[in-house]
N, C-alpha and C. Protein backbone atom coordinates (compact mmCIF):
# COMPACT_ATOMS: atom_id res chain seq x y z
N MET A 1 0.87 -1.17 -0.02
CA MET A 1 -0.01 0.00 0.05
C MET A 1 0.90 1.23 0.01
N ASN A 2 0.60 2.23 -0.85
CA ASN A 2 1.31 3.50 -0.95
C ASN A 2 0.52 4.54 -0.07
N GLU A 3 1.03 4.64 1.14
CA GLU A 3 0.22 5.53 2.08
C GLU A 3 0.58 7.06 1.92
N VAL A 4 -0.44 7.89 1.94
CA VAL A 4 -0.26 9.34 2.00
C VAL A 4 -0.96 9.80 3.27
N PHE A 5 -0.25 10.04 4.31
CA PHE A 5 -0.76 10.50 5.54
C PHE A 5 -1.25 11.91 5.55
N LEU A 6 -2.37 12.28 6.01
CA LEU A 6 -2.96 13.62 5.77
C LEU A 6 -3.65 14.12 7.00
N ASP A 7 -3.48 15.44 7.27
CA ASP A 7 -4.19 16.19 8.30
C ASP A 7 -4.40 17.64 7.85
N ILE A 8 -5.49 18.22 8.02
CA ILE A 8 -5.67 19.65 7.60
C ILE A 8 -6.07 20.43 8.86
N GLU A 9 -5.72 21.74 8.81
CA GLU A 9 -6.28 22.62 9.82
C GLU A 9 -7.11 23.72 9.05
N THR A 10 -8.28 24.07 9.63
CA THR A 10 -9.15 24.95 8.94
C THR A 10 -9.60 26.03 9.89
N ILE A 11 -10.12 27.16 9.28
CA ILE A 11 -10.55 28.27 10.08
C ILE A 11 -11.94 28.68 9.51
N LYS A 12 -12.70 29.52 10.33
CA LYS A 12 -14.03 29.98 9.83
C LYS A 12 -13.82 30.96 8.69
N CYS A 13 -14.88 31.24 7.98
CA CYS A 13 -14.88 32.23 6.84
C CYS A 13 -14.33 33.54 7.30
N GLN A 14 -13.36 33.99 6.47
CA GLN A 14 -12.72 35.35 6.70
C GLN A 14 -13.34 36.39 5.95
N GLN A 15 -14.31 36.15 5.16
CA GLN A 15 -15.09 37.13 4.41
C GLN A 15 -16.53 37.20 5.09
N SER A 16 -16.48 37.58 6.40
CA SER A 16 -17.70 37.52 7.17
C SER A 16 -18.81 38.41 6.79
N GLU A 17 -18.48 39.61 6.30
CA GLU A 17 -19.52 40.57 5.93
C GLU A 17 -20.39 40.13 4.78
N PRO A 18 -19.76 39.68 3.62
CA PRO A 18 -20.56 39.12 2.56
C PRO A 18 -21.42 37.92 3.05
N LEU A 19 -20.81 37.00 3.88
CA LEU A 19 -21.51 35.84 4.33
C LEU A 19 -22.64 36.29 5.30
N ARG A 20 -22.37 37.32 6.13
CA ARG A 20 -23.42 37.81 7.04
C ARG A 20 -24.67 38.31 6.16
N GLU A 21 -24.35 39.02 5.17
CA GLU A 21 -25.46 39.51 4.36
C GLU A 21 -26.30 38.34 3.75
N PHE A 22 -25.59 37.35 3.22
CA PHE A 22 -26.23 36.14 2.64
C PHE A 22 -27.01 35.42 3.65
N LEU A 23 -26.49 35.27 4.87
CA LEU A 23 -27.22 34.51 5.94
C LEU A 23 -28.38 35.34 6.46
N THR A 24 -28.24 36.70 6.54
CA THR A 24 -29.37 37.50 6.93
C THR A 24 -30.56 37.42 6.03
N ARG A 25 -30.21 37.15 4.71
CA ARG A 25 -31.37 37.06 3.72
C ARG A 25 -32.02 35.64 3.78
N THR A 26 -31.23 34.64 4.20
CA THR A 26 -31.64 33.34 3.92
C THR A 26 -31.96 32.49 5.25
N ILE A 27 -31.35 32.86 6.37
CA ILE A 27 -31.54 32.08 7.60
C ILE A 27 -32.97 32.21 8.09
N LYS A 28 -33.49 31.14 8.58
CA LYS A 28 -34.92 31.11 8.99
C LYS A 28 -35.03 30.64 10.45
N PRO A 29 -36.15 30.98 11.14
CA PRO A 29 -36.31 30.56 12.50
C PRO A 29 -36.41 29.05 12.62
N PRO A 30 -36.16 28.49 13.82
CA PRO A 30 -36.36 26.99 13.96
C PRO A 30 -37.69 26.57 13.55
N LYS A 31 -37.68 25.35 13.00
CA LYS A 31 -38.92 24.83 12.46
C LYS A 31 -40.00 24.54 13.52
N THR A 32 -39.51 24.51 14.73
CA THR A 32 -40.45 24.35 15.88
C THR A 32 -41.18 25.62 16.27
N MET A 33 -40.73 26.66 15.71
CA MET A 33 -41.43 27.94 15.97
C MET A 33 -42.47 28.29 14.93
N SER A 34 -43.77 28.30 15.47
CA SER A 34 -44.79 28.51 14.53
C SER A 34 -45.74 29.73 14.79
N LEU A 35 -45.74 30.16 16.07
CA LEU A 35 -46.53 31.36 16.40
C LEU A 35 -45.99 32.60 15.72
N PRO A 36 -46.80 33.42 14.96
CA PRO A 36 -46.35 34.59 14.31
C PRO A 36 -45.63 35.53 15.29
N ALA A 37 -46.15 35.75 16.51
CA ALA A 37 -45.44 36.63 17.45
C ALA A 37 -44.10 36.10 17.80
N SER A 38 -43.98 34.79 17.93
CA SER A 38 -42.65 34.22 18.32
C SER A 38 -41.71 34.45 17.12
N ILE A 39 -42.12 34.32 15.88
CA ILE A 39 -41.29 34.46 14.71
C ILE A 39 -40.82 35.92 14.61
N VAL A 40 -41.66 36.88 14.81
CA VAL A 40 -41.42 38.27 14.80
C VAL A 40 -40.30 38.49 15.85
N ALA A 41 -40.52 38.04 17.07
CA ALA A 41 -39.57 38.22 18.23
C ALA A 41 -38.18 37.65 17.95
N TRP A 42 -38.19 36.39 17.23
CA TRP A 42 -36.94 35.73 16.83
C TRP A 42 -36.15 36.59 15.83
N HIS A 43 -36.83 37.16 14.86
CA HIS A 43 -36.19 38.04 13.85
C HIS A 43 -35.59 39.29 14.55
N LYS A 44 -36.29 39.79 15.58
CA LYS A 44 -35.90 41.03 16.22
C LYS A 44 -34.65 40.71 17.22
N ASP A 45 -34.80 39.62 17.99
CA ASP A 45 -33.83 39.44 19.18
C ASP A 45 -32.84 38.35 18.93
N LYS A 46 -33.17 37.40 18.08
CA LYS A 46 -32.34 36.10 17.95
C LYS A 46 -31.61 36.00 16.68
N LYS A 47 -32.15 36.59 15.69
CA LYS A 47 -31.60 36.30 14.27
C LYS A 47 -30.11 36.62 14.18
N ALA A 48 -29.68 37.74 14.72
CA ALA A 48 -28.29 38.13 14.62
C ALA A 48 -27.38 37.17 15.31
N ASP A 49 -27.78 36.63 16.46
CA ASP A 49 -27.04 35.60 17.12
C ASP A 49 -26.98 34.29 16.34
N ALA A 50 -28.01 34.03 15.68
CA ALA A 50 -28.16 32.77 14.84
C ALA A 50 -27.21 32.91 13.68
N VAL A 51 -27.15 34.06 13.11
CA VAL A 51 -26.24 34.32 11.95
C VAL A 51 -24.78 34.15 12.43
N GLN A 52 -24.47 34.74 13.57
CA GLN A 52 -23.12 34.67 14.08
C GLN A 52 -22.76 33.27 14.43
N ASP A 53 -23.68 32.47 14.92
CA ASP A 53 -23.39 31.08 15.19
C ASP A 53 -22.99 30.31 13.98
N VAL A 54 -23.73 30.62 12.85
CA VAL A 54 -23.37 29.86 11.57
C VAL A 54 -22.05 30.32 11.19
N ILE A 55 -21.74 31.59 11.20
CA ILE A 55 -20.41 32.11 10.79
C ILE A 55 -19.27 31.44 11.63
N ASP A 56 -19.54 31.34 12.95
CA ASP A 56 -18.44 30.87 13.83
C ASP A 56 -18.20 29.23 13.52
N GLY A 57 -19.28 28.60 12.97
CA GLY A 57 -19.16 27.18 12.69
C GLY A 57 -18.64 26.86 11.31
N THR A 58 -18.29 27.83 10.57
CA THR A 58 -17.86 27.51 9.10
C THR A 58 -16.49 26.93 8.98
N GLY A 59 -15.78 26.91 10.11
CA GLY A 59 -14.50 26.20 10.04
C GLY A 59 -14.62 24.70 9.89
N LEU A 60 -15.83 24.22 10.03
CA LEU A 60 -16.14 22.77 9.71
C LEU A 60 -16.95 22.59 8.48
N ASP A 61 -17.10 23.67 7.77
CA ASP A 61 -18.05 23.67 6.54
C ASP A 61 -17.13 23.92 5.33
N GLY A 62 -16.95 22.98 4.41
CA GLY A 62 -16.15 23.13 3.28
C GLY A 62 -16.62 24.05 2.23
N ALA A 63 -17.85 24.38 2.26
CA ALA A 63 -18.36 25.38 1.35
C ALA A 63 -18.01 26.82 1.71
N LEU A 64 -17.79 27.00 3.00
CA LEU A 64 -17.64 28.44 3.54
C LEU A 64 -16.37 28.67 4.34
N GLY A 65 -15.79 27.60 4.92
CA GLY A 65 -14.54 27.69 5.70
C GLY A 65 -13.35 27.79 4.80
N GLN A 66 -12.14 27.64 5.39
CA GLN A 66 -10.91 27.87 4.68
C GLN A 66 -9.87 26.92 5.29
N VAL A 67 -9.14 26.27 4.31
CA VAL A 67 -7.94 25.45 4.76
C VAL A 67 -6.74 26.46 4.88
N VAL A 68 -6.03 26.33 6.11
CA VAL A 68 -4.90 27.18 6.29
C VAL A 68 -3.64 26.33 6.44
N CYS A 69 -3.76 25.01 6.68
CA CYS A 69 -2.55 24.29 6.84
C CYS A 69 -2.78 22.76 6.34
N ILE A 70 -1.94 22.22 5.59
CA ILE A 70 -2.07 20.85 5.18
C ILE A 70 -0.84 20.10 5.68
N GLY A 71 -0.94 19.12 6.51
CA GLY A 71 0.12 18.28 6.98
C GLY A 71 0.08 16.98 6.27
N TYR A 72 1.26 16.51 5.94
CA TYR A 72 1.26 15.22 5.10
C TYR A 72 2.59 14.52 5.35
N GLN A 73 2.62 13.19 5.09
CA GLN A 73 3.80 12.35 5.03
C GLN A 73 3.60 11.39 3.89
N LEU A 74 4.45 11.46 2.85
CA LEU A 74 4.54 10.70 1.71
C LEU A 74 5.43 9.48 1.94
N PRO A 75 5.24 8.42 1.03
CA PRO A 75 6.09 7.23 1.29
C PRO A 75 7.61 7.49 1.32
N ALA A 76 8.11 8.44 0.62
CA ALA A 76 9.53 8.70 0.54
C ALA A 76 10.06 9.53 1.71
N MET A 77 9.12 10.01 2.53
CA MET A 77 9.54 10.91 3.60
C MET A 77 9.76 10.24 4.96
N ASP A 78 10.81 10.73 5.64
CA ASP A 78 11.09 10.17 7.01
C ASP A 78 10.26 10.80 8.15
N ALA A 79 9.77 12.01 7.88
CA ALA A 79 9.07 12.78 8.91
C ALA A 79 7.95 13.59 8.14
N PRO A 80 6.91 13.99 8.87
CA PRO A 80 5.91 14.80 8.22
C PRO A 80 6.35 16.14 7.79
N GLY A 81 5.72 16.68 6.74
CA GLY A 81 5.86 18.10 6.27
C GLY A 81 4.53 18.80 6.40
N ALA A 82 4.59 20.09 6.19
CA ALA A 82 3.34 20.89 6.28
C ALA A 82 3.50 22.14 5.37
N ILE A 83 2.36 22.51 4.86
CA ILE A 83 2.19 23.74 4.05
C ILE A 83 1.21 24.63 4.83
N CYS A 84 1.60 25.86 5.20
CA CYS A 84 0.80 26.70 6.04
C CYS A 84 0.86 28.11 5.41
N HIS A 85 -0.51 28.57 5.13
CA HIS A 85 -0.72 29.85 4.38
C HIS A 85 -2.10 30.38 4.55
N MET A 86 -2.26 31.65 4.59
CA MET A 86 -3.54 32.32 4.65
C MET A 86 -4.13 32.38 3.24
N HIS A 87 -3.36 32.30 2.20
CA HIS A 87 -3.86 32.28 0.83
C HIS A 87 -4.20 30.92 0.34
N GLU A 88 -5.42 30.59 0.38
CA GLU A 88 -5.85 29.15 0.21
C GLU A 88 -5.52 28.57 -1.23
N GLY A 89 -5.64 29.46 -2.20
CA GLY A 89 -5.37 28.91 -3.56
C GLY A 89 -3.80 28.59 -3.69
N ASP A 90 -2.99 29.32 -3.15
CA ASP A 90 -1.53 29.06 -3.17
C ASP A 90 -1.25 27.74 -2.43
N LEU A 91 -2.02 27.55 -1.35
CA LEU A 91 -1.81 26.40 -0.46
C LEU A 91 -2.13 25.09 -1.26
N LEU A 92 -3.31 25.16 -1.89
CA LEU A 92 -3.78 24.04 -2.61
C LEU A 92 -2.96 23.63 -3.84
N ASN A 93 -2.50 24.69 -4.55
CA ASN A 93 -1.64 24.44 -5.68
C ASN A 93 -0.30 23.83 -5.22
N HIS A 94 0.22 24.32 -4.06
CA HIS A 94 1.50 23.79 -3.50
C HIS A 94 1.29 22.39 -3.16
N PHE A 95 0.16 22.03 -2.56
CA PHE A 95 -0.15 20.66 -2.11
C PHE A 95 -0.22 19.75 -3.40
N ASN A 96 -0.72 20.26 -4.43
CA ASN A 96 -0.71 19.34 -5.73
C ASN A 96 0.70 19.17 -6.15
N ASP A 97 1.56 20.24 -6.08
CA ASP A 97 2.99 19.97 -6.41
C ASP A 97 3.61 18.98 -5.52
N VAL A 98 3.32 18.96 -4.27
CA VAL A 98 3.84 18.03 -3.30
C VAL A 98 3.47 16.54 -3.75
N LEU A 99 2.14 16.42 -4.04
CA LEU A 99 1.66 15.08 -4.38
C LEU A 99 2.20 14.67 -5.75
N ASN A 100 2.57 15.57 -6.62
CA ASN A 100 3.10 15.27 -7.86
C ASN A 100 4.61 14.64 -7.82
N THR A 101 5.13 14.72 -6.58
CA THR A 101 6.42 14.07 -6.39
C THR A 101 6.28 12.56 -6.33
N ILE A 102 5.03 12.12 -6.15
CA ILE A 102 4.74 10.70 -6.25
C ILE A 102 4.69 10.38 -7.71
N PRO A 103 5.28 9.34 -8.22
CA PRO A 103 5.25 9.02 -9.67
C PRO A 103 3.71 8.74 -10.10
N ALA A 104 3.46 9.22 -11.29
CA ALA A 104 2.12 9.15 -11.79
C ALA A 104 1.59 7.74 -11.89
N ASN A 105 2.47 6.79 -12.08
CA ASN A 105 2.02 5.39 -12.03
C ASN A 105 1.77 4.79 -10.77
N MET A 106 1.96 5.57 -9.72
CA MET A 106 1.66 5.18 -8.30
C MET A 106 0.39 5.92 -7.83
N HIS A 107 -0.06 6.85 -8.50
CA HIS A 107 -1.35 7.56 -8.02
C HIS A 107 -2.51 6.61 -7.72
N SER A 108 -2.75 5.72 -8.72
CA SER A 108 -3.92 4.91 -8.52
C SER A 108 -3.70 3.80 -7.36
N ALA A 109 -2.43 3.64 -6.94
CA ALA A 109 -2.18 2.68 -5.91
C ALA A 109 -1.97 3.43 -4.54
N SER A 110 -2.24 4.62 -4.54
CA SER A 110 -2.01 5.44 -3.21
C SER A 110 -3.31 5.43 -2.43
N THR A 111 -3.21 5.38 -1.07
CA THR A 111 -4.29 5.35 -0.17
C THR A 111 -4.04 6.57 0.76
N VAL A 112 -5.01 7.44 0.97
CA VAL A 112 -4.93 8.52 1.90
C VAL A 112 -5.32 8.03 3.25
N VAL A 113 -4.42 8.22 4.28
CA VAL A 113 -4.62 7.75 5.64
C VAL A 113 -4.75 9.04 6.58
N GLY A 114 -5.73 8.95 7.43
CA GLY A 114 -5.92 10.03 8.44
C GLY A 114 -6.98 9.65 9.42
N HIS A 115 -7.13 10.56 10.39
CA HIS A 115 -8.12 10.41 11.41
C HIS A 115 -9.32 11.27 11.09
N ASN A 116 -10.45 10.62 10.88
CA ASN A 116 -11.73 11.24 10.33
C ASN A 116 -11.49 11.78 8.96
N VAL A 117 -10.60 11.12 8.23
CA VAL A 117 -10.21 11.69 6.89
C VAL A 117 -11.28 11.54 5.83
N ILE A 118 -12.13 10.50 6.00
CA ILE A 118 -13.27 10.36 5.01
C ILE A 118 -14.29 11.44 5.15
N ASN A 119 -14.71 11.60 6.40
CA ASN A 119 -15.83 12.56 6.61
C ASN A 119 -15.44 14.06 6.66
N PHE A 120 -14.13 14.24 6.98
CA PHE A 120 -13.76 15.66 7.09
C PHE A 120 -12.54 16.01 6.17
N ASP A 121 -11.33 15.61 6.47
CA ASP A 121 -10.22 16.23 5.74
C ASP A 121 -10.27 16.12 4.26
N VAL A 122 -10.51 14.81 3.73
CA VAL A 122 -10.60 14.67 2.20
C VAL A 122 -11.80 15.46 1.69
N ARG A 123 -12.99 15.37 2.32
CA ARG A 123 -14.19 15.93 1.85
C ARG A 123 -13.98 17.46 1.92
N PHE A 124 -13.44 18.10 2.95
CA PHE A 124 -13.21 19.56 3.07
C PHE A 124 -12.25 20.03 1.97
N LEU A 125 -11.20 19.31 1.85
CA LEU A 125 -10.12 19.60 0.86
C LEU A 125 -10.75 19.60 -0.57
N TYR A 126 -11.55 18.60 -0.91
CA TYR A 126 -12.11 18.48 -2.12
C TYR A 126 -13.10 19.66 -2.49
N GLN A 127 -13.86 19.95 -1.51
CA GLN A 127 -14.75 21.12 -1.65
C GLN A 127 -13.97 22.43 -1.83
N ARG A 128 -12.90 22.64 -1.07
CA ARG A 128 -12.20 23.91 -1.27
C ARG A 128 -11.48 23.95 -2.61
N TYR A 129 -11.05 22.74 -3.16
CA TYR A 129 -10.49 22.78 -4.51
C TYR A 129 -11.56 23.29 -5.53
N ILE A 130 -12.83 22.86 -5.36
CA ILE A 130 -13.87 23.23 -6.30
C ILE A 130 -14.18 24.71 -6.07
N VAL A 131 -14.29 25.24 -4.85
CA VAL A 131 -14.60 26.63 -4.61
C VAL A 131 -13.52 27.51 -5.15
N ASN A 132 -12.18 27.04 -5.10
CA ASN A 132 -11.11 27.91 -5.63
C ASN A 132 -10.91 27.75 -7.15
N GLY A 133 -11.66 26.76 -7.72
CA GLY A 133 -11.53 26.64 -9.12
C GLY A 133 -10.13 25.92 -9.59
N ILE A 134 -9.61 25.04 -8.55
CA ILE A 134 -8.40 24.38 -8.76
C ILE A 134 -8.80 22.90 -8.93
N ARG A 135 -8.22 22.22 -9.88
CA ARG A 135 -8.47 20.81 -10.07
C ARG A 135 -7.79 19.96 -8.96
N PRO A 136 -8.63 19.20 -8.30
CA PRO A 136 -8.04 18.33 -7.24
C PRO A 136 -6.98 17.35 -7.81
N HIS A 137 -5.81 17.11 -7.08
CA HIS A 137 -4.91 16.10 -7.48
C HIS A 137 -5.59 14.73 -7.61
N PRO A 138 -5.24 13.93 -8.53
CA PRO A 138 -5.87 12.68 -8.87
C PRO A 138 -5.88 11.75 -7.48
N ILE A 139 -4.89 11.85 -6.57
CA ILE A 139 -4.93 11.12 -5.42
C ILE A 139 -6.09 11.58 -4.52
N ILE A 140 -6.26 12.91 -4.28
CA ILE A 140 -7.31 13.43 -3.50
C ILE A 140 -8.72 13.24 -4.26
N ASN A 141 -8.74 13.30 -5.55
CA ASN A 141 -9.96 13.09 -6.18
C ASN A 141 -10.46 11.68 -6.07
N ALA A 142 -9.54 10.70 -6.15
CA ALA A 142 -9.90 9.30 -6.03
C ALA A 142 -10.35 9.02 -4.56
N ALA A 143 -9.66 9.65 -3.60
CA ALA A 143 -10.05 9.47 -2.22
C ALA A 143 -11.38 10.01 -1.92
N ALA A 144 -11.69 11.13 -2.57
CA ALA A 144 -12.99 11.78 -2.30
C ALA A 144 -14.14 10.98 -2.85
N GLN A 145 -13.85 10.18 -3.86
CA GLN A 145 -14.94 9.38 -4.55
C GLN A 145 -15.04 7.99 -3.97
N SER A 146 -14.14 7.57 -3.01
CA SER A 146 -14.00 6.24 -2.61
C SER A 146 -14.98 5.86 -1.50
N LYS A 147 -15.24 4.62 -1.41
CA LYS A 147 -16.12 4.04 -0.37
C LYS A 147 -15.13 3.76 0.82
N TRP A 148 -15.78 3.31 1.88
CA TRP A 148 -15.13 2.94 3.18
C TRP A 148 -14.00 1.97 2.84
N GLY A 149 -12.76 2.39 3.17
CA GLY A 149 -11.57 1.53 3.00
C GLY A 149 -11.07 1.45 1.61
N ASP A 150 -11.65 2.08 0.70
CA ASP A 150 -11.11 2.07 -0.73
C ASP A 150 -10.55 3.47 -1.05
N LYS A 151 -9.26 3.55 -1.20
CA LYS A 151 -8.49 4.76 -1.36
C LYS A 151 -8.37 5.67 -0.25
N CYS A 152 -9.05 5.30 0.93
CA CYS A 152 -9.00 6.02 2.16
C CYS A 152 -8.87 5.00 3.22
N TYR A 153 -7.90 5.17 4.15
CA TYR A 153 -7.93 4.40 5.49
C TYR A 153 -8.14 5.39 6.59
N ASP A 154 -9.32 5.30 7.14
CA ASP A 154 -9.78 6.31 8.17
C ASP A 154 -9.61 5.62 9.54
N THR A 155 -8.79 6.09 10.40
CA THR A 155 -8.59 5.45 11.72
C THR A 155 -9.84 5.47 12.58
N VAL A 156 -10.71 6.49 12.33
CA VAL A 156 -11.94 6.50 13.07
C VAL A 156 -12.88 5.35 12.73
N THR A 157 -13.12 5.26 11.40
CA THR A 157 -14.10 4.31 10.96
C THR A 157 -13.56 2.85 11.03
N GLN A 158 -12.31 2.71 10.82
CA GLN A 158 -11.67 1.42 11.02
C GLN A 158 -11.69 0.88 12.38
N PHE A 159 -11.63 1.82 13.39
CA PHE A 159 -11.68 1.38 14.79
C PHE A 159 -13.03 1.32 15.30
N SER A 160 -13.96 2.34 14.89
CA SER A 160 -15.19 2.44 15.58
C SER A 160 -16.45 2.07 14.72
N GLY A 161 -16.15 1.89 13.36
CA GLY A 161 -17.26 1.59 12.48
C GLY A 161 -17.77 2.83 11.83
N MET A 162 -18.64 2.62 10.86
CA MET A 162 -19.11 3.79 10.08
C MET A 162 -19.91 4.78 10.93
N LYS A 163 -20.60 4.30 11.90
CA LYS A 163 -21.44 5.14 12.75
C LYS A 163 -20.83 5.52 14.09
N GLY A 164 -19.68 4.98 14.37
CA GLY A 164 -19.00 5.25 15.55
C GLY A 164 -18.06 6.38 15.47
N THR A 165 -17.46 6.82 16.59
CA THR A 165 -16.50 7.89 16.60
C THR A 165 -15.55 7.75 17.84
N ILE A 166 -14.39 8.22 17.67
CA ILE A 166 -13.35 8.31 18.75
C ILE A 166 -12.45 9.42 18.39
N SER A 167 -12.01 10.13 19.50
CA SER A 167 -11.09 11.25 19.22
C SER A 167 -9.71 10.70 19.07
N LEU A 168 -8.83 11.44 18.42
CA LEU A 168 -7.44 10.97 18.11
C LEU A 168 -6.79 10.82 19.45
N ASP A 169 -6.90 11.83 20.37
CA ASP A 169 -6.39 11.71 21.79
C ASP A 169 -6.75 10.36 22.47
N LYS A 170 -8.12 10.06 22.41
CA LYS A 170 -8.55 8.92 23.12
C LYS A 170 -7.98 7.67 22.63
N LEU A 171 -7.94 7.57 21.24
CA LEU A 171 -7.32 6.37 20.58
C LEU A 171 -5.83 6.24 20.85
N CYS A 172 -5.14 7.43 20.87
CA CYS A 172 -3.71 7.33 21.29
C CYS A 172 -3.54 6.77 22.68
N PHE A 173 -4.38 7.21 23.55
CA PHE A 173 -4.37 6.83 24.96
C PHE A 173 -4.60 5.33 25.04
N ALA A 174 -5.56 4.81 24.32
CA ALA A 174 -5.97 3.37 24.35
C ALA A 174 -4.71 2.54 23.89
N LEU A 175 -3.93 3.21 22.87
CA LEU A 175 -2.93 2.36 22.22
C LEU A 175 -1.56 2.68 22.91
N GLY A 176 -1.50 3.52 23.89
CA GLY A 176 -0.28 3.74 24.62
C GLY A 176 0.63 4.62 23.82
N ILE A 177 0.07 5.58 23.08
CA ILE A 177 0.82 6.57 22.30
C ILE A 177 0.57 8.02 22.84
N ASP A 178 1.66 8.75 23.01
CA ASP A 178 1.51 10.10 23.41
C ASP A 178 0.61 10.89 22.45
N GLY A 179 -0.23 11.64 23.09
CA GLY A 179 -1.33 12.37 22.30
C GLY A 179 -1.02 13.68 21.73
N LYS A 180 -2.03 14.62 21.71
CA LYS A 180 -1.89 15.83 20.83
C LYS A 180 -1.10 16.96 21.53
N GLY A 181 -1.04 17.00 22.82
CA GLY A 181 -0.32 18.09 23.44
C GLY A 181 -1.23 19.28 23.81
N GLY A 182 -0.65 20.42 24.07
CA GLY A 182 -1.40 21.51 24.65
C GLY A 182 -2.09 22.36 23.53
N PHE A 183 -1.51 22.51 22.41
CA PHE A 183 -2.08 23.30 21.32
C PHE A 183 -3.33 22.56 20.76
N THR A 184 -4.40 23.30 20.59
CA THR A 184 -5.59 22.61 20.00
C THR A 184 -6.14 23.33 18.76
N TRP A 185 -7.14 22.73 18.16
CA TRP A 185 -7.77 23.38 17.01
C TRP A 185 -8.28 24.80 17.23
N GLN A 186 -8.67 25.09 18.51
CA GLN A 186 -9.22 26.39 18.88
C GLN A 186 -8.10 27.45 18.81
N ASP A 187 -6.78 26.98 18.93
CA ASP A 187 -5.69 27.91 18.87
C ASP A 187 -5.27 28.23 17.42
N VAL A 188 -5.79 27.54 16.41
CA VAL A 188 -5.32 27.68 15.04
C VAL A 188 -5.59 29.07 14.47
N LEU A 189 -6.85 29.60 14.58
CA LEU A 189 -7.23 30.92 14.06
C LEU A 189 -6.37 32.05 14.72
N PRO A 190 -6.36 32.09 16.04
CA PRO A 190 -5.58 33.17 16.68
C PRO A 190 -4.12 33.14 16.30
N ALA A 191 -3.50 31.88 16.18
CA ALA A 191 -2.19 31.81 15.75
C ALA A 191 -1.96 32.25 14.31
N MET A 192 -2.89 31.82 13.46
CA MET A 192 -2.68 32.27 12.02
C MET A 192 -2.82 33.84 11.85
N LEU A 193 -3.77 34.35 12.57
CA LEU A 193 -3.97 35.85 12.53
C LEU A 193 -2.80 36.62 13.15
N ALA A 194 -2.06 35.93 14.07
CA ALA A 194 -0.88 36.56 14.67
C ALA A 194 0.39 36.28 13.87
N GLY A 195 0.27 35.46 12.75
CA GLY A 195 1.42 35.19 11.92
C GLY A 195 2.29 34.06 12.51
N ARG A 196 1.75 33.31 13.41
CA ARG A 196 2.49 32.16 14.04
C ARG A 196 2.28 30.98 13.23
N PHE A 197 2.65 31.01 11.92
CA PHE A 197 2.46 29.89 11.05
C PHE A 197 3.27 28.64 11.39
N ASP A 198 4.47 28.80 11.96
CA ASP A 198 5.26 27.72 12.32
C ASP A 198 4.57 26.86 13.48
N ASP A 199 3.92 27.57 14.31
CA ASP A 199 3.22 26.93 15.48
C ASP A 199 2.04 26.03 14.90
N VAL A 200 1.34 26.56 13.95
CA VAL A 200 0.24 25.76 13.40
C VAL A 200 0.81 24.60 12.58
N ALA A 201 1.85 24.85 11.85
CA ALA A 201 2.43 23.76 11.11
C ALA A 201 2.98 22.68 12.00
N ALA A 202 3.54 23.06 13.07
CA ALA A 202 4.07 22.05 14.02
C ALA A 202 3.00 21.16 14.63
N TYR A 203 1.87 21.88 14.95
CA TYR A 203 0.68 21.19 15.41
C TYR A 203 0.13 20.11 14.44
N CYS A 204 0.07 20.68 13.17
CA CYS A 204 -0.44 19.77 12.09
C CYS A 204 0.44 18.62 11.84
N LYS A 205 1.74 18.86 11.83
CA LYS A 205 2.66 17.82 11.56
C LYS A 205 2.69 16.77 12.72
N HIS A 206 2.42 17.27 13.97
CA HIS A 206 2.45 16.30 15.14
C HIS A 206 1.21 15.37 14.97
N ASP A 207 0.05 15.98 14.49
CA ASP A 207 -1.17 15.12 14.26
C ASP A 207 -0.94 14.03 13.17
N VAL A 208 -0.21 14.47 12.15
CA VAL A 208 0.21 13.41 11.09
C VAL A 208 1.07 12.30 11.75
N ALA A 209 2.05 12.72 12.56
CA ALA A 209 2.98 11.78 13.14
C ALA A 209 2.23 10.83 14.05
N ILE A 210 1.35 11.27 14.85
CA ILE A 210 0.65 10.34 15.87
C ILE A 210 -0.45 9.49 15.08
N THR A 211 -1.05 10.10 14.06
CA THR A 211 -1.92 9.34 13.20
C THR A 211 -1.09 8.11 12.60
N LYS A 212 0.06 8.44 12.15
CA LYS A 212 0.81 7.38 11.40
C LYS A 212 1.18 6.20 12.46
N LEU A 213 1.47 6.62 13.71
CA LEU A 213 1.75 5.58 14.79
C LEU A 213 0.46 4.80 15.07
N VAL A 214 -0.62 5.44 15.16
CA VAL A 214 -1.92 4.80 15.32
C VAL A 214 -2.24 3.80 14.21
N TYR A 215 -2.03 4.30 12.99
CA TYR A 215 -2.31 3.35 11.77
C TYR A 215 -1.37 2.17 11.81
N GLU A 216 -0.13 2.34 12.23
CA GLU A 216 0.80 1.23 12.24
C GLU A 216 0.40 0.16 13.26
N ARG A 217 -0.08 0.73 14.43
CA ARG A 217 -0.57 -0.28 15.50
C ARG A 217 -1.84 -0.95 14.96
N MET A 218 -2.69 -0.21 14.26
CA MET A 218 -4.00 -0.78 13.89
C MET A 218 -3.79 -1.80 12.82
N ARG A 219 -2.72 -1.59 11.95
CA ARG A 219 -2.33 -2.63 10.89
C ARG A 219 -1.40 -3.64 11.32
N PHE A 220 -1.02 -3.57 12.70
CA PHE A 220 -0.04 -4.61 13.26
C PHE A 220 1.27 -4.51 12.56
N LEU A 221 1.72 -3.23 12.23
CA LEU A 221 2.93 -3.02 11.59
C LEU A 221 4.06 -2.63 12.54
N SER A 222 3.68 -2.43 13.80
CA SER A 222 4.71 -2.03 14.78
C SER A 222 4.31 -2.59 16.17
């Protein structure tokens, strides 16, 4: 198996005003709310908060959020690498260049490995390629179209099943592997805005490294 280990870091939409205008036009009261007076009150008192909640959650939404860091380890690499940038188009093009170091005749034999990589990392990446008008690399495209276990090895689904879930930290603990450390996904946006790209890259590379250790334990390779 030609493994490509992958982890991404994402942030919420940074074009908040255009998104706020769009959401203000389109967001609706909860379906459980039916009384006209309650709906009027919601528009007056709650709508702005509901709009902000959606904006704050876009870091998990591939249509509206943004990739700021891609961590990876390719077969020829002894340690993880990372690309970290606030300009998403440059980041995606650079990642395509990285993946192109894998010989073309090995693209179809490559499997993307990650934690929650099927439901999040690969899907989010694929969506951001489309939004940016950049053709996904064949390895990412194949992984995005794959079924469970085909072109993707997801440590979440392989351990917990399609409907199960487990955090990377918890899985590391269960397997006796040192976990994620003090930096968390909540620190990514403040660090990026402060220009601390190296800190975000180090965090992302660490996630790749421990995911690789988890994968090797799950495949009984170590």
